[in-house]
């Protein structure tokens, strides 16, 4: 597993991570999936799994926007 992006909310300490996971399905085949993980202090970590990077990145951007500190300029998401 590899963390592609990580955002930590400045006020509440909520961490949102976009993770890539590669699984060997057969000797010559690799399955790549993505997950968005929400880790809030004192709560159970939650995640959602996606097969495509576009959907996972969209979910990551929406969650980061929800927790503040993000501006969107066109299709580009800028995380401070």
Protein backbone atom coordinates (compact mmCIF):
# COMPACT_ATOMS: atom_id res chain seq x y z
CA UNK A 1 0.00 0.00 0.00
CA UNK A 2 1.16 3.48 -0.84
CA UNK A 3 -0.27 6.76 0.46
CA UNK A 4 -0.72 9.11 -2.50
CA UNK A 5 -2.13 12.12 -0.64
CA UNK A 6 -2.71 12.99 3.01
CA UNK A 7 -4.61 15.90 4.54
CA UNK A 8 -4.94 16.68 8.27
CA UNK A 9 -7.58 19.16 9.39
CA UNK A 10 -6.06 22.09 11.30
CA UNK A 11 -8.84 22.38 13.90
CA UNK A 12 -10.07 18.87 14.64
CA UNK A 13 -7.11 16.70 13.59
CA UNK A 14 -9.13 14.59 11.13
CA UNK A 15 -6.81 12.84 8.67
CA UNK A 16 -7.98 11.97 5.16
CA UNK A 17 -5.71 9.71 3.08
CA UNK A 18 -5.84 8.53 -0.54
CA UNK A 19 -4.21 5.10 -0.72
CA UNK A 20 -3.18 2.95 -3.69
CA UNK A 21 -3.05 -0.83 -3.30
CA UNK A 22 -1.71 -3.35 -5.81
CA UNK A 23 -2.60 -7.02 -5.57
CA UNK A 24 -1.07 -9.79 -7.68
CA UNK A 25 -4.04 -11.71 -9.08
CA UNK A 26 -2.16 -14.16 -11.30
CA UNK A 27 1.55 -14.50 -11.99
CA UNK A 28 1.38 -11.89 -14.78
CA UNK A 29 -1.57 -9.77 -13.64
CA UNK A 30 -1.71 -6.95 -11.08
CA UNK A 31 -4.96 -5.46 -9.78
CA UNK A 32 -4.74 -1.82 -8.67
CA UNK A 33 -7.38 -0.36 -6.36
CA UNK A 34 -7.70 2.84 -4.39
CA UNK A 35 -9.18 3.72 -1.01
CA UNK A 36 -10.05 6.92 0.80
CA UNK A 37 -9.52 6.60 4.56
CA UNK A 38 -10.97 8.97 7.19
CA UNK A 39 -9.27 8.80 10.59
CA UNK A 40 -10.82 11.03 13.26
CA UNK A 41 -9.36 11.17 16.79
CA UNK A 42 -11.41 9.00 19.15
CA UNK A 43 -13.38 7.38 16.30
CA UNK A 44 -13.06 4.18 14.30
CA UNK A 45 -11.24 4.76 10.98
CA UNK A 46 -13.57 4.51 7.97
CA UNK A 47 -12.67 3.81 4.35
CA UNK A 48 -14.28 3.52 0.96
CA UNK A 49 -12.79 1.47 -1.88
CA UNK A 50 -12.66 2.49 -5.56
CA UNK A 51 -11.47 0.72 -8.71
CA UNK A 52 -10.54 3.94 -10.54
CA UNK A 53 -8.26 6.77 -9.51
CA UNK A 54 -10.68 9.41 -10.85
CA UNK A 55 -13.48 8.36 -8.47
CA UNK A 56 -11.11 8.01 -5.51
CA UNK A 57 -9.55 11.43 -6.15
CA UNK A 58 -13.01 12.99 -6.39
CA UNK A 59 -14.06 11.45 -3.08
CA UNK A 60 -10.79 12.59 -1.49
CA UNK A 61 -11.34 16.16 -2.75
CA UNK A 62 -14.93 16.25 -1.46
CA UNK A 63 -13.90 15.03 1.99
CA UNK A 64 -11.00 17.46 2.25
CA UNK A 65 -13.31 20.29 1.16
CA UNK A 66 -15.78 19.20 3.84
CA UNK A 67 -13.15 19.46 6.58
CA UNK A 68 -11.98 22.88 5.33
CA UNK A 69 -8.73 24.33 4.11
CA UNK A 70 -9.20 23.57 0.42
CA UNK A 71 -9.83 25.68 -2.64
CA UNK A 72 -10.81 24.36 -6.06
CA UNK A 73 -9.64 26.11 -9.22
CA UNK A 74 -11.24 24.41 -12.23
CA UNK A 75 -10.24 20.76 -12.09
CA UNK A 76 -7.22 21.34 -9.84
CA UNK A 77 -7.55 20.82 -6.10
CA UNK A 78 -5.05 22.81 -4.04
CA UNK A 79 -4.36 21.48 -0.54
CA UNK A 80 -2.40 23.82 1.74
